N, C-alpha and C. Protein backbone atom coordinates (compact mmCIF):
# COMPACT_ATOMS: atom_id res chain seq x y z
N MET A 1 68.35 93.83 127.60
CA MET A 1 68.50 95.22 127.94
C MET A 1 67.14 95.91 127.95
N THR A 2 66.15 95.17 128.37
CA THR A 2 64.81 95.72 128.46
C THR A 2 64.39 95.73 129.91
N GLY A 3 63.24 96.35 130.19
CA GLY A 3 62.71 96.29 131.54
C GLY A 3 62.75 97.63 132.24
N ALA A 4 63.24 97.66 133.49
CA ALA A 4 63.17 98.84 134.33
C ALA A 4 64.10 99.94 133.83
N ARG A 5 63.86 101.11 134.40
CA ARG A 5 64.64 102.29 134.07
C ARG A 5 66.13 102.04 134.30
N ALA A 6 66.96 102.41 133.31
CA ALA A 6 68.41 102.27 133.44
C ALA A 6 69.03 103.61 133.81
N GLU A 7 70.14 103.56 134.53
CA GLU A 7 70.84 104.79 134.87
C GLU A 7 71.46 105.41 133.63
N VAL A 8 71.91 104.56 132.72
CA VAL A 8 72.59 105.01 131.50
C VAL A 8 71.88 104.43 130.28
N ALA A 9 71.64 105.27 129.29
CA ALA A 9 71.14 104.82 128.00
C ALA A 9 72.14 105.20 126.93
N VAL A 10 72.30 104.35 125.93
CA VAL A 10 73.22 104.61 124.82
C VAL A 10 72.43 104.55 123.53
N ILE A 11 72.44 105.65 122.78
CA ILE A 11 71.74 105.72 121.50
C ILE A 11 72.76 105.61 120.37
N ILE A 12 72.53 104.66 119.46
CA ILE A 12 73.45 104.41 118.36
C ILE A 12 72.69 104.53 117.04
N PRO A 13 72.79 105.67 116.34
CA PRO A 13 72.17 105.78 115.02
C PRO A 13 72.93 104.86 114.04
N ALA A 14 72.20 104.15 113.19
CA ALA A 14 72.87 103.19 112.31
C ALA A 14 72.19 103.13 110.95
N LEU A 15 73.01 103.22 109.91
CA LEU A 15 72.53 103.08 108.54
C LEU A 15 73.48 102.16 107.79
N ASN A 16 73.00 100.96 107.47
CA ASN A 16 73.80 99.98 106.72
C ASN A 16 75.14 99.69 107.41
N GLU A 17 75.06 99.29 108.66
CA GLU A 17 76.26 99.03 109.46
C GLU A 17 76.29 97.58 109.98
N GLU A 18 75.80 96.64 109.20
CA GLU A 18 75.76 95.26 109.68
C GLU A 18 77.15 94.69 109.96
N GLN A 19 78.18 95.21 109.30
CA GLN A 19 79.54 94.70 109.52
C GLN A 19 80.09 95.11 110.88
N SER A 20 79.63 96.24 111.40
CA SER A 20 80.25 96.79 112.61
C SER A 20 79.34 96.83 113.83
N ILE A 21 78.03 96.86 113.65
CA ILE A 21 77.14 97.15 114.77
C ILE A 21 77.25 96.12 115.89
N GLY A 22 77.44 94.85 115.56
CA GLY A 22 77.59 93.84 116.61
C GLY A 22 78.81 94.08 117.47
N ARG A 23 79.91 94.48 116.84
CA ARG A 23 81.14 94.76 117.58
C ARG A 23 80.97 95.98 118.48
N VAL A 24 80.25 96.97 117.99
CA VAL A 24 80.01 98.18 118.79
C VAL A 24 79.20 97.84 120.04
N VAL A 25 78.10 97.13 119.86
CA VAL A 25 77.24 96.77 121.00
C VAL A 25 78.00 95.90 122.00
N ASP A 26 78.76 94.94 121.50
CA ASP A 26 79.50 94.03 122.39
C ASP A 26 80.58 94.75 123.19
N ALA A 27 81.11 95.85 122.65
CA ALA A 27 82.22 96.55 123.30
C ALA A 27 81.76 97.55 124.36
N ILE A 28 80.46 97.78 124.48
CA ILE A 28 79.95 98.69 125.51
C ILE A 28 80.12 98.02 126.87
N PRO A 29 80.74 98.68 127.83
CA PRO A 29 81.00 98.05 129.13
C PRO A 29 79.73 97.55 129.80
N GLU A 30 79.71 96.28 130.14
CA GLU A 30 78.53 95.67 130.74
C GLU A 30 78.26 96.20 132.14
N ASP A 31 79.31 96.64 132.84
CA ASP A 31 79.11 97.10 134.22
C ASP A 31 78.29 98.39 134.28
N LEU A 32 78.10 99.06 133.13
CA LEU A 32 77.26 100.24 133.10
C LEU A 32 75.78 99.87 133.14
N ALA A 33 75.47 98.60 132.87
CA ALA A 33 74.09 98.11 132.78
C ALA A 33 73.24 99.05 131.94
N PRO A 34 73.70 99.35 130.73
CA PRO A 34 73.01 100.37 129.93
C PRO A 34 71.80 99.83 129.18
N ASP A 35 70.91 100.74 128.85
CA ASP A 35 69.83 100.47 127.91
C ASP A 35 70.38 100.87 126.54
N VAL A 36 70.75 99.90 125.72
CA VAL A 36 71.38 100.19 124.43
C VAL A 36 70.31 100.22 123.34
N ILE A 37 70.17 101.38 122.72
CA ILE A 37 69.16 101.58 121.67
C ILE A 37 69.86 101.79 120.34
N VAL A 38 69.67 100.87 119.41
CA VAL A 38 70.18 101.05 118.06
C VAL A 38 69.03 101.53 117.19
N VAL A 39 69.21 102.69 116.57
CA VAL A 39 68.17 103.25 115.70
C VAL A 39 68.51 102.91 114.26
N ASP A 40 67.74 102.01 113.68
CA ASP A 40 67.94 101.63 112.29
C ASP A 40 67.33 102.71 111.41
N ASN A 41 68.19 103.45 110.71
CA ASN A 41 67.77 104.63 109.96
C ASN A 41 67.48 104.30 108.49
N GLY A 42 66.72 103.22 108.27
CA GLY A 42 66.35 102.85 106.91
C GLY A 42 67.38 101.99 106.23
N SER A 43 68.04 101.12 106.97
CA SER A 43 69.10 100.28 106.40
C SER A 43 68.54 99.31 105.37
N ALA A 44 69.38 99.03 104.35
CA ALA A 44 69.02 98.05 103.33
C ALA A 44 69.69 96.71 103.61
N ASP A 45 70.43 96.63 104.71
CA ASP A 45 71.12 95.38 105.05
C ASP A 45 70.55 94.84 106.37
N ARG A 46 71.30 93.99 107.07
CA ARG A 46 70.82 93.31 108.27
C ARG A 46 71.23 94.04 109.56
N THR A 47 71.40 95.35 109.49
CA THR A 47 71.81 96.11 110.67
C THR A 47 70.89 95.83 111.87
N ALA A 48 69.59 95.93 111.67
CA ALA A 48 68.64 95.76 112.78
C ALA A 48 68.71 94.35 113.36
N GLU A 49 68.78 93.34 112.50
CA GLU A 49 68.81 91.96 112.97
C GLU A 49 70.09 91.67 113.77
N VAL A 50 71.21 92.17 113.27
CA VAL A 50 72.48 91.95 113.97
C VAL A 50 72.47 92.66 115.32
N ALA A 51 71.98 93.90 115.35
CA ALA A 51 71.93 94.66 116.61
C ALA A 51 71.08 93.93 117.64
N ALA A 52 69.92 93.44 117.24
CA ALA A 52 69.04 92.74 118.16
C ALA A 52 69.68 91.44 118.65
N ALA A 53 70.38 90.75 117.74
CA ALA A 53 71.03 89.50 118.12
C ALA A 53 72.12 89.71 119.16
N HIS A 54 72.70 90.91 119.19
CA HIS A 54 73.75 91.23 120.15
C HIS A 54 73.20 91.91 121.41
N GLY A 55 71.88 91.95 121.55
CA GLY A 55 71.28 92.42 122.80
C GLY A 55 70.79 93.84 122.82
N ALA A 56 70.83 94.54 121.71
CA ALA A 56 70.36 95.93 121.69
C ALA A 56 68.85 95.99 121.52
N ARG A 57 68.28 97.07 121.96
CA ARG A 57 66.87 97.36 121.71
C ARG A 57 66.82 98.16 120.39
N VAL A 58 66.12 97.66 119.40
CA VAL A 58 66.12 98.28 118.08
C VAL A 58 64.88 99.15 117.90
N VAL A 59 65.14 100.39 117.46
CA VAL A 59 64.08 101.34 117.12
C VAL A 59 64.26 101.65 115.63
N ARG A 60 63.17 101.75 114.91
CA ARG A 60 63.26 102.02 113.47
C ARG A 60 62.83 103.45 113.17
N GLU A 61 63.66 104.15 112.40
CA GLU A 61 63.34 105.50 111.92
C GLU A 61 63.63 105.51 110.41
N PRO A 62 62.59 105.30 109.59
CA PRO A 62 62.82 105.19 108.16
C PRO A 62 63.24 106.49 107.48
N GLN A 63 62.90 107.63 108.08
CA GLN A 63 63.31 108.90 107.48
C GLN A 63 64.80 109.10 107.71
N ARG A 64 65.55 109.15 106.61
CA ARG A 64 67.00 109.28 106.72
C ARG A 64 67.40 110.61 107.34
N GLY A 65 68.47 110.57 108.11
CA GLY A 65 68.99 111.78 108.72
C GLY A 65 69.58 111.47 110.09
N TYR A 66 70.81 111.95 110.33
CA TYR A 66 71.47 111.67 111.59
C TYR A 66 70.63 112.17 112.77
N GLY A 67 70.17 113.41 112.66
CA GLY A 67 69.35 113.97 113.74
C GLY A 67 68.03 113.25 113.89
N ALA A 68 67.43 112.84 112.77
CA ALA A 68 66.17 112.10 112.83
C ALA A 68 66.35 110.81 113.62
N ALA A 69 67.46 110.12 113.38
CA ALA A 69 67.73 108.88 114.11
C ALA A 69 67.94 109.15 115.60
N CYS A 70 68.68 110.20 115.93
CA CYS A 70 68.91 110.53 117.34
C CYS A 70 67.61 110.90 118.04
N LEU A 71 66.74 111.66 117.35
CA LEU A 71 65.46 112.03 117.94
C LEU A 71 64.58 110.81 118.18
N ALA A 72 64.62 109.85 117.27
CA ALA A 72 63.86 108.62 117.47
C ALA A 72 64.38 107.85 118.68
N GLY A 73 65.70 107.85 118.86
CA GLY A 73 66.27 107.20 120.03
C GLY A 73 65.85 107.88 121.32
N ILE A 74 65.84 109.20 121.31
CA ILE A 74 65.42 109.96 122.49
C ILE A 74 63.96 109.67 122.83
N ALA A 75 63.11 109.58 121.79
CA ALA A 75 61.70 109.31 122.02
C ALA A 75 61.47 107.95 122.67
N ALA A 76 62.44 107.04 122.50
CA ALA A 76 62.30 105.69 123.06
C ALA A 76 62.93 105.55 124.45
N LEU A 77 63.49 106.62 125.00
CA LEU A 77 64.16 106.55 126.29
C LEU A 77 63.19 106.29 127.43
N ARG A 78 63.73 105.69 128.49
CA ARG A 78 62.95 105.41 129.70
C ARG A 78 63.44 106.28 130.86
N GLN A 79 63.67 107.54 130.59
CA GLN A 79 64.09 108.52 131.57
C GLN A 79 65.33 108.08 132.35
N PRO A 80 66.44 107.84 131.64
CA PRO A 80 67.68 107.48 132.33
C PRO A 80 68.28 108.72 133.00
N GLU A 81 69.31 108.51 133.77
CA GLU A 81 70.02 109.66 134.36
C GLU A 81 70.89 110.33 133.31
N VAL A 82 71.57 109.52 132.50
CA VAL A 82 72.50 110.03 131.50
C VAL A 82 72.25 109.33 130.17
N VAL A 83 72.38 110.10 129.07
CA VAL A 83 72.24 109.56 127.73
C VAL A 83 73.56 109.74 126.99
N ALA A 84 74.05 108.66 126.39
CA ALA A 84 75.26 108.74 125.57
C ALA A 84 74.89 108.48 124.12
N PHE A 85 75.67 109.08 123.23
CA PHE A 85 75.49 108.90 121.79
C PHE A 85 76.79 108.35 121.22
N LEU A 86 76.65 107.37 120.33
CA LEU A 86 77.82 106.65 119.83
C LEU A 86 77.54 106.24 118.39
N ASP A 87 78.51 106.44 117.49
CA ASP A 87 78.33 106.01 116.11
C ASP A 87 78.42 104.49 115.99
N ALA A 88 77.87 103.98 114.91
CA ALA A 88 77.76 102.53 114.71
C ALA A 88 78.91 101.94 113.90
N ASP A 89 79.90 102.76 113.55
CA ASP A 89 80.94 102.30 112.61
C ASP A 89 82.22 101.80 113.28
N PHE A 90 82.26 101.81 114.61
CA PHE A 90 83.39 101.32 115.40
C PHE A 90 84.64 102.21 115.29
N SER A 91 84.46 103.46 114.85
CA SER A 91 85.60 104.38 114.78
C SER A 91 85.97 104.89 116.17
N ASP A 92 84.97 105.05 117.03
CA ASP A 92 85.23 105.35 118.44
C ASP A 92 85.22 104.06 119.23
N ASP A 93 85.91 104.05 120.35
CA ASP A 93 85.99 102.86 121.19
C ASP A 93 84.88 102.90 122.24
N PRO A 94 83.87 102.05 122.12
CA PRO A 94 82.77 102.06 123.09
C PRO A 94 83.23 101.82 124.53
N ALA A 95 84.37 101.17 124.71
CA ALA A 95 84.88 100.92 126.06
C ALA A 95 85.16 102.22 126.80
N LEU A 96 85.35 103.32 126.04
CA LEU A 96 85.64 104.61 126.67
C LEU A 96 84.39 105.34 127.14
N LEU A 97 83.23 104.71 126.99
CA LEU A 97 82.02 105.31 127.54
C LEU A 97 82.18 105.60 129.03
N THR A 98 82.87 104.73 129.72
CA THR A 98 83.09 104.94 131.16
C THR A 98 83.77 106.27 131.42
N SER A 99 84.74 106.63 130.59
CA SER A 99 85.46 107.89 130.75
C SER A 99 84.56 109.09 130.47
N LEU A 100 83.67 108.96 129.49
CA LEU A 100 82.76 110.06 129.18
C LEU A 100 81.69 110.23 130.24
N LEU A 101 81.24 109.11 130.81
CA LEU A 101 80.16 109.17 131.78
C LEU A 101 80.60 109.58 133.18
N ARG A 102 81.83 109.25 133.53
CA ARG A 102 82.28 109.46 134.91
C ARG A 102 82.10 110.91 135.40
N PRO A 103 82.54 111.93 134.63
CA PRO A 103 82.38 113.31 135.14
C PRO A 103 80.93 113.70 135.36
N ILE A 104 80.01 113.11 134.59
CA ILE A 104 78.59 113.42 134.76
C ILE A 104 78.03 112.69 135.98
N LEU A 105 78.31 111.40 136.08
CA LEU A 105 77.79 110.62 137.19
C LEU A 105 78.35 111.08 138.53
N GLU A 106 79.56 111.69 138.49
CA GLU A 106 80.15 112.22 139.72
C GLU A 106 79.68 113.64 140.02
N GLY A 107 78.85 114.21 139.15
CA GLY A 107 78.27 115.52 139.40
C GLY A 107 79.17 116.69 139.06
N ARG A 108 80.25 116.47 138.31
CA ARG A 108 81.19 117.55 138.00
C ARG A 108 80.74 118.38 136.81
N VAL A 109 80.10 117.75 135.80
CA VAL A 109 79.59 118.45 134.63
C VAL A 109 78.27 117.80 134.23
N ASP A 110 77.60 118.41 133.25
CA ASP A 110 76.35 117.84 132.74
C ASP A 110 76.49 117.30 131.32
N PHE A 111 77.61 117.59 130.67
CA PHE A 111 77.76 117.28 129.24
C PHE A 111 79.23 117.00 128.96
N THR A 112 79.51 115.88 128.31
CA THR A 112 80.88 115.58 127.90
C THR A 112 80.91 115.25 126.41
N ILE A 113 82.01 115.65 125.77
CA ILE A 113 82.20 115.42 124.35
C ILE A 113 83.52 114.71 124.15
N GLY A 114 83.50 113.60 123.45
CA GLY A 114 84.73 112.91 123.13
C GLY A 114 85.45 113.65 122.01
N SER A 115 86.59 114.24 122.33
CA SER A 115 87.33 115.04 121.35
C SER A 115 88.37 114.21 120.62
N ARG A 116 88.16 114.06 119.32
CA ARG A 116 89.13 113.37 118.47
C ARG A 116 90.34 114.23 118.21
N MET A 117 90.17 115.55 118.35
CA MET A 117 91.28 116.47 118.13
C MET A 117 92.29 116.41 119.28
N LEU A 118 91.81 116.11 120.48
CA LEU A 118 92.69 116.02 121.65
C LEU A 118 93.26 114.61 121.83
N GLY A 119 92.64 113.63 121.16
CA GLY A 119 93.10 112.25 121.28
C GLY A 119 93.97 111.84 120.10
N ALA A 120 94.49 110.62 120.16
CA ALA A 120 95.32 110.10 119.07
C ALA A 120 94.42 109.61 117.94
N ARG A 121 94.77 109.97 116.72
CA ARG A 121 93.98 109.57 115.55
C ARG A 121 94.78 108.63 114.66
N GLU A 122 94.14 107.56 114.25
CA GLU A 122 94.77 106.65 113.30
C GLU A 122 94.94 107.38 111.97
N PRO A 123 96.09 107.25 111.29
CA PRO A 123 96.29 107.93 110.01
C PRO A 123 95.15 107.62 109.03
N GLY A 124 94.59 108.68 108.45
CA GLY A 124 93.52 108.52 107.49
C GLY A 124 92.13 108.41 108.08
N ALA A 125 92.02 108.38 109.40
CA ALA A 125 90.70 108.24 110.02
C ALA A 125 89.84 109.48 109.78
N LEU A 126 90.47 110.66 109.79
CA LEU A 126 89.77 111.90 109.48
C LEU A 126 90.50 112.60 108.34
N PRO A 127 89.88 112.77 107.17
CA PRO A 127 90.53 113.45 106.06
C PRO A 127 90.72 114.93 106.37
N LEU A 128 91.53 115.60 105.56
CA LEU A 128 91.87 116.99 105.80
C LEU A 128 90.65 117.90 105.83
N HIS A 129 89.67 117.66 104.94
CA HIS A 129 88.50 118.54 104.94
C HIS A 129 87.69 118.40 106.22
N SER A 130 87.70 117.21 106.82
CA SER A 130 87.00 117.02 108.09
C SER A 130 87.76 117.72 109.23
N LEU A 131 89.08 117.62 109.20
CA LEU A 131 89.88 118.31 110.21
C LEU A 131 89.66 119.82 110.14
N PHE A 132 89.61 120.36 108.93
CA PHE A 132 89.38 121.80 108.77
C PHE A 132 87.99 122.18 109.27
N GLY A 133 86.98 121.37 108.92
CA GLY A 133 85.62 121.66 109.35
C GLY A 133 85.48 121.67 110.86
N ASN A 134 86.12 120.71 111.52
CA ASN A 134 86.08 120.68 112.98
C ASN A 134 86.78 121.87 113.58
N TRP A 135 87.90 122.26 112.97
CA TRP A 135 88.62 123.44 113.46
C TRP A 135 87.74 124.68 113.36
N LEU A 136 87.08 124.85 112.21
CA LEU A 136 86.25 126.03 112.00
C LEU A 136 85.06 126.04 112.96
N ALA A 137 84.43 124.89 113.14
CA ALA A 137 83.32 124.82 114.09
C ALA A 137 83.79 125.15 115.49
N GLY A 138 84.97 124.69 115.84
CA GLY A 138 85.53 124.99 117.15
C GLY A 138 85.78 126.47 117.34
N VAL A 139 86.25 127.13 116.30
CA VAL A 139 86.48 128.58 116.37
C VAL A 139 85.17 129.32 116.62
N ILE A 140 84.13 128.91 115.89
CA ILE A 140 82.83 129.57 116.05
C ILE A 140 82.30 129.40 117.47
N LEU A 141 82.34 128.17 117.98
CA LEU A 141 81.82 127.92 119.32
C LEU A 141 82.67 128.61 120.39
N THR A 142 83.97 128.63 120.17
CA THR A 142 84.88 129.22 121.16
C THR A 142 84.73 130.73 121.23
N TYR A 143 84.65 131.39 120.07
CA TYR A 143 84.69 132.86 120.07
C TYR A 143 83.32 133.51 119.97
N LEU A 144 82.38 132.90 119.25
CA LEU A 144 81.05 133.50 119.16
C LEU A 144 80.16 133.09 120.33
N TYR A 145 80.33 131.86 120.80
CA TYR A 145 79.50 131.36 121.90
C TYR A 145 80.23 131.38 123.24
N ARG A 146 81.50 131.75 123.23
CA ARG A 146 82.30 131.74 124.45
C ARG A 146 82.30 130.35 125.11
N HIS A 147 82.44 129.32 124.26
CA HIS A 147 82.35 127.94 124.71
C HIS A 147 83.55 127.19 124.13
N PRO A 148 84.70 127.18 124.81
CA PRO A 148 85.91 126.56 124.25
C PRO A 148 85.66 125.15 123.75
N THR A 149 85.93 124.91 122.47
CA THR A 149 85.58 123.65 121.82
C THR A 149 86.65 123.28 120.80
N THR A 150 86.96 121.99 120.73
CA THR A 150 87.91 121.51 119.71
C THR A 150 87.28 120.57 118.70
N ASP A 151 86.06 120.04 119.00
CA ASP A 151 85.52 119.00 118.14
C ASP A 151 83.99 118.95 118.22
N LEU A 152 83.38 118.50 117.13
CA LEU A 152 81.94 118.22 117.10
C LEU A 152 81.71 116.71 117.09
N GLY A 153 82.60 115.98 117.70
CA GLY A 153 82.55 114.53 117.66
C GLY A 153 81.21 113.96 118.10
N PRO A 154 80.74 112.91 117.44
CA PRO A 154 79.44 112.32 117.77
C PRO A 154 79.45 111.49 119.06
N PHE A 155 80.63 111.16 119.58
CA PHE A 155 80.77 110.37 120.79
C PHE A 155 80.63 111.32 121.97
N ARG A 156 79.48 111.27 122.66
CA ARG A 156 79.18 112.27 123.68
C ARG A 156 78.18 111.73 124.70
N ALA A 157 78.08 112.40 125.82
CA ALA A 157 77.12 112.01 126.86
C ALA A 157 76.57 113.26 127.51
N ILE A 158 75.32 113.17 127.95
CA ILE A 158 74.67 114.34 128.53
C ILE A 158 73.64 113.89 129.56
N ARG A 159 73.51 114.66 130.62
CA ARG A 159 72.49 114.36 131.62
C ARG A 159 71.11 114.48 130.96
N TYR A 160 70.23 113.52 131.23
CA TYR A 160 68.93 113.48 130.56
C TYR A 160 68.13 114.75 130.83
N SER A 161 68.14 115.22 132.06
CA SER A 161 67.37 116.42 132.40
C SER A 161 67.88 117.63 131.63
N THR A 162 69.18 117.67 131.35
CA THR A 162 69.75 118.76 130.56
C THR A 162 69.37 118.63 129.10
N LEU A 163 69.41 117.40 128.60
CA LEU A 163 69.05 117.15 127.20
C LEU A 163 67.63 117.64 126.91
N THR A 164 66.71 117.41 127.82
CA THR A 164 65.33 117.84 127.58
C THR A 164 65.22 119.36 127.48
N LYS A 165 66.08 120.07 128.21
CA LYS A 165 66.05 121.54 128.16
C LYS A 165 66.54 122.08 126.81
N LEU A 166 67.31 121.30 126.08
CA LEU A 166 67.84 121.77 124.80
C LEU A 166 66.79 121.76 123.70
N ARG A 167 65.72 121.00 123.88
CA ARG A 167 64.64 120.93 122.88
C ARG A 167 65.22 120.70 121.48
N MET A 168 65.92 119.61 121.35
CA MET A 168 66.59 119.30 120.09
C MET A 168 65.58 119.13 118.96
N GLN A 169 65.95 119.63 117.77
CA GLN A 169 65.03 119.61 116.63
C GLN A 169 65.68 119.17 115.32
N ASP A 170 66.98 119.42 115.15
CA ASP A 170 67.62 119.18 113.86
C ASP A 170 67.51 117.70 113.48
N ARG A 171 67.14 117.43 112.24
CA ARG A 171 66.97 116.06 111.77
C ARG A 171 68.07 115.63 110.82
N GLY A 172 69.08 116.47 110.67
CA GLY A 172 70.17 116.14 109.77
C GLY A 172 71.52 116.26 110.43
N PHE A 173 72.49 116.79 109.67
CA PHE A 173 73.87 116.84 110.16
C PHE A 173 74.18 118.08 110.98
N GLY A 174 73.16 118.90 111.24
CA GLY A 174 73.36 120.02 112.16
C GLY A 174 73.18 119.62 113.61
N TRP A 175 72.88 118.34 113.83
CA TRP A 175 72.55 117.84 115.18
C TRP A 175 73.62 118.13 116.22
N THR A 176 74.86 117.76 115.93
CA THR A 176 75.91 117.93 116.95
C THR A 176 76.16 119.40 117.24
N MET A 177 76.14 120.24 116.20
CA MET A 177 76.31 121.68 116.41
C MET A 177 75.14 122.25 117.20
N GLU A 178 73.93 121.81 116.89
CA GLU A 178 72.76 122.29 117.64
C GLU A 178 72.92 121.99 119.13
N MET A 179 73.33 120.77 119.45
CA MET A 179 73.46 120.40 120.85
C MET A 179 74.51 121.26 121.55
N GLN A 180 75.66 121.45 120.91
CA GLN A 180 76.73 122.20 121.55
C GLN A 180 76.42 123.70 121.62
N ALA A 181 75.79 124.23 120.58
CA ALA A 181 75.45 125.65 120.59
C ALA A 181 74.41 125.95 121.65
N LYS A 182 73.38 125.11 121.75
CA LYS A 182 72.35 125.33 122.76
C LYS A 182 72.90 125.14 124.16
N ALA A 183 73.78 124.15 124.33
CA ALA A 183 74.41 123.95 125.63
C ALA A 183 75.22 125.19 126.02
N ALA A 184 75.88 125.78 125.04
CA ALA A 184 76.65 126.99 125.31
C ALA A 184 75.74 128.14 125.71
N ARG A 185 74.60 128.28 125.02
CA ARG A 185 73.67 129.36 125.34
C ARG A 185 73.11 129.20 126.76
N LEU A 186 72.94 127.95 127.19
CA LEU A 186 72.42 127.69 128.53
C LEU A 186 73.52 127.62 129.59
N ARG A 187 74.77 127.80 129.15
CA ARG A 187 75.93 127.71 130.05
C ARG A 187 75.97 126.36 130.79
N VAL A 188 75.72 125.30 130.06
CA VAL A 188 75.76 123.95 130.63
C VAL A 188 77.21 123.59 130.97
N PRO A 189 77.51 123.15 132.18
CA PRO A 189 78.88 122.72 132.51
C PRO A 189 79.29 121.56 131.61
N THR A 190 80.39 121.78 130.88
CA THR A 190 80.79 120.85 129.81
C THR A 190 82.27 120.53 129.92
N ALA A 191 82.64 119.32 129.54
CA ALA A 191 84.05 118.93 129.50
C ALA A 191 84.32 118.15 128.22
N GLU A 192 85.48 118.41 127.62
CA GLU A 192 85.94 117.60 126.49
C GLU A 192 86.86 116.50 127.03
N ILE A 193 86.64 115.29 126.55
CA ILE A 193 87.44 114.14 126.97
C ILE A 193 88.23 113.65 125.77
N PRO A 194 89.57 113.61 125.84
CA PRO A 194 90.33 113.10 124.70
C PRO A 194 89.98 111.65 124.41
N VAL A 195 89.68 111.36 123.16
CA VAL A 195 89.39 109.97 122.77
C VAL A 195 90.18 109.64 121.51
N PRO A 196 90.70 108.42 121.41
CA PRO A 196 91.36 107.99 120.18
C PRO A 196 90.31 107.78 119.09
N TYR A 197 90.75 107.86 117.86
CA TYR A 197 89.83 107.70 116.73
C TYR A 197 90.50 106.85 115.67
N ARG A 198 89.78 105.84 115.18
CA ARG A 198 90.36 104.91 114.22
C ARG A 198 89.54 104.91 112.92
N ARG A 199 90.08 104.29 111.91
CA ARG A 199 89.34 104.15 110.65
C ARG A 199 88.06 103.37 110.89
N ARG A 200 86.99 103.84 110.30
CA ARG A 200 85.71 103.17 110.48
C ARG A 200 85.67 101.86 109.71
N ILE A 201 84.75 100.99 110.10
CA ILE A 201 84.47 99.78 109.34
C ILE A 201 83.45 100.15 108.27
N GLY A 202 83.74 99.85 107.01
CA GLY A 202 82.85 100.21 105.92
C GLY A 202 83.10 101.62 105.43
N ARG A 203 82.30 102.06 104.48
CA ARG A 203 82.49 103.35 103.83
C ARG A 203 81.67 104.43 104.51
N SER A 204 82.28 105.59 104.73
CA SER A 204 81.58 106.70 105.36
C SER A 204 80.55 107.30 104.40
N LYS A 205 79.39 107.70 104.96
CA LYS A 205 78.38 108.37 104.16
C LYS A 205 78.70 109.84 103.95
N ILE A 206 79.59 110.40 104.77
CA ILE A 206 79.88 111.83 104.72
C ILE A 206 81.35 112.11 104.43
N THR A 207 82.23 111.73 105.35
CA THR A 207 83.64 112.12 105.22
C THR A 207 84.37 111.37 104.13
N GLY A 208 83.75 110.32 103.58
CA GLY A 208 84.42 109.54 102.55
C GLY A 208 84.55 110.25 101.23
N SER A 209 83.78 111.32 100.99
CA SER A 209 83.89 112.06 99.74
C SER A 209 83.68 113.55 100.00
N LEU A 210 84.20 114.37 99.10
CA LEU A 210 84.27 115.81 99.34
C LEU A 210 82.91 116.50 99.30
N TRP A 211 82.07 116.18 98.30
CA TRP A 211 80.81 116.90 98.16
C TRP A 211 79.87 116.68 99.34
N PRO A 212 79.61 115.44 99.79
CA PRO A 212 78.77 115.29 100.99
C PRO A 212 79.37 115.99 102.20
N SER A 213 80.69 115.99 102.31
CA SER A 213 81.33 116.68 103.44
C SER A 213 81.07 118.18 103.36
N ALA A 214 81.15 118.74 102.13
CA ALA A 214 80.90 120.17 101.95
C ALA A 214 79.45 120.51 102.30
N GLN A 215 78.51 119.66 101.88
CA GLN A 215 77.10 119.89 102.21
C GLN A 215 76.89 119.86 103.73
N ALA A 216 77.49 118.87 104.40
CA ALA A 216 77.36 118.78 105.84
C ALA A 216 77.96 120.01 106.52
N ALA A 217 79.10 120.48 106.01
CA ALA A 217 79.76 121.65 106.59
C ALA A 217 78.87 122.89 106.48
N ILE A 218 78.22 123.06 105.34
CA ILE A 218 77.32 124.20 105.16
C ILE A 218 76.18 124.14 106.16
N ILE A 219 75.60 122.97 106.33
CA ILE A 219 74.50 122.79 107.29
C ILE A 219 74.97 123.11 108.71
N ILE A 220 76.13 122.61 109.07
CA ILE A 220 76.66 122.82 110.42
C ILE A 220 76.91 124.30 110.68
N LEU A 221 77.52 124.99 109.72
CA LEU A 221 77.82 126.41 109.91
C LEU A 221 76.55 127.24 109.93
N THR A 222 75.60 126.91 109.08
CA THR A 222 74.31 127.62 109.08
C THR A 222 73.62 127.46 110.43
N THR A 223 73.66 126.24 110.95
CA THR A 223 73.07 125.97 112.27
C THR A 223 73.74 126.81 113.35
N ALA A 224 75.07 126.90 113.29
CA ALA A 224 75.81 127.65 114.30
C ALA A 224 75.41 129.11 114.33
N PHE A 225 75.29 129.73 113.17
CA PHE A 225 74.95 131.15 113.13
C PHE A 225 73.47 131.38 113.46
N ARG A 226 72.61 130.48 113.02
CA ARG A 226 71.18 130.62 113.32
C ARG A 226 70.91 130.57 114.81
N LEU A 227 71.61 129.70 115.52
CA LEU A 227 71.33 129.50 116.94
C LEU A 227 71.95 130.58 117.84
N LEU A 228 72.68 131.51 117.25
CA LEU A 228 73.15 132.64 118.05
C LEU A 228 71.97 133.44 118.63
N TRP A 229 70.81 133.32 117.98
CA TRP A 229 69.63 134.05 118.44
C TRP A 229 68.63 133.14 119.16
N TRP A 230 69.05 131.90 119.44
CA TRP A 230 68.14 130.97 120.12
C TRP A 230 67.96 131.37 121.57
N ARG A 231 66.71 131.26 122.04
CA ARG A 231 66.41 131.53 123.43
C ARG A 231 65.74 130.31 124.04
N PRO A 232 66.16 129.87 125.22
CA PRO A 232 65.54 128.68 125.85
C PRO A 232 64.09 128.98 126.28
């Protein structure tokens, strides 16, 4: 997955996901001919080795943080037409990348978000505090930003030229909110795509316990209100 410019690039932030990362990379549709970038975010296991063995291009970002990993992936891009983001835990189905990319490649929108709220969820895949947090974030984006939203799901795709206009900066868990809030401020044509959601492989770093979830929620909400005054 190296060489010339690809039409589609897929960025996969990964921290200690050696059990799942190979399955995630293998499940990405080959007909997309994507440039698959796995960002090893300081893993203590064999995440990087497994990802490389399954054909991904591995980028290392030792500074922990979801946004930091995504920014490192963006820095490694070869100017694709569309960039997709996908978690490394196999909770989303990588085969559905085709569904997320199609509206962008057909020129109908510039940004798609895989909505777990609109899709079928495996019991226990999202705990109640995560469901509430997504609902609240959706309310903020819908009513304060005038951007109807049901989810901050990490499974998403965006036109590369649009992504550069967002000037992404967040290095932590405000990343998804930053992207959606800035897209709303720029009136980027956006569509939510229903996606199923299953239990992740391995233990979650955030939703698996209440306190990290609460910390992430505070960061996300702070980001949402701060960006009400953002100007492109």
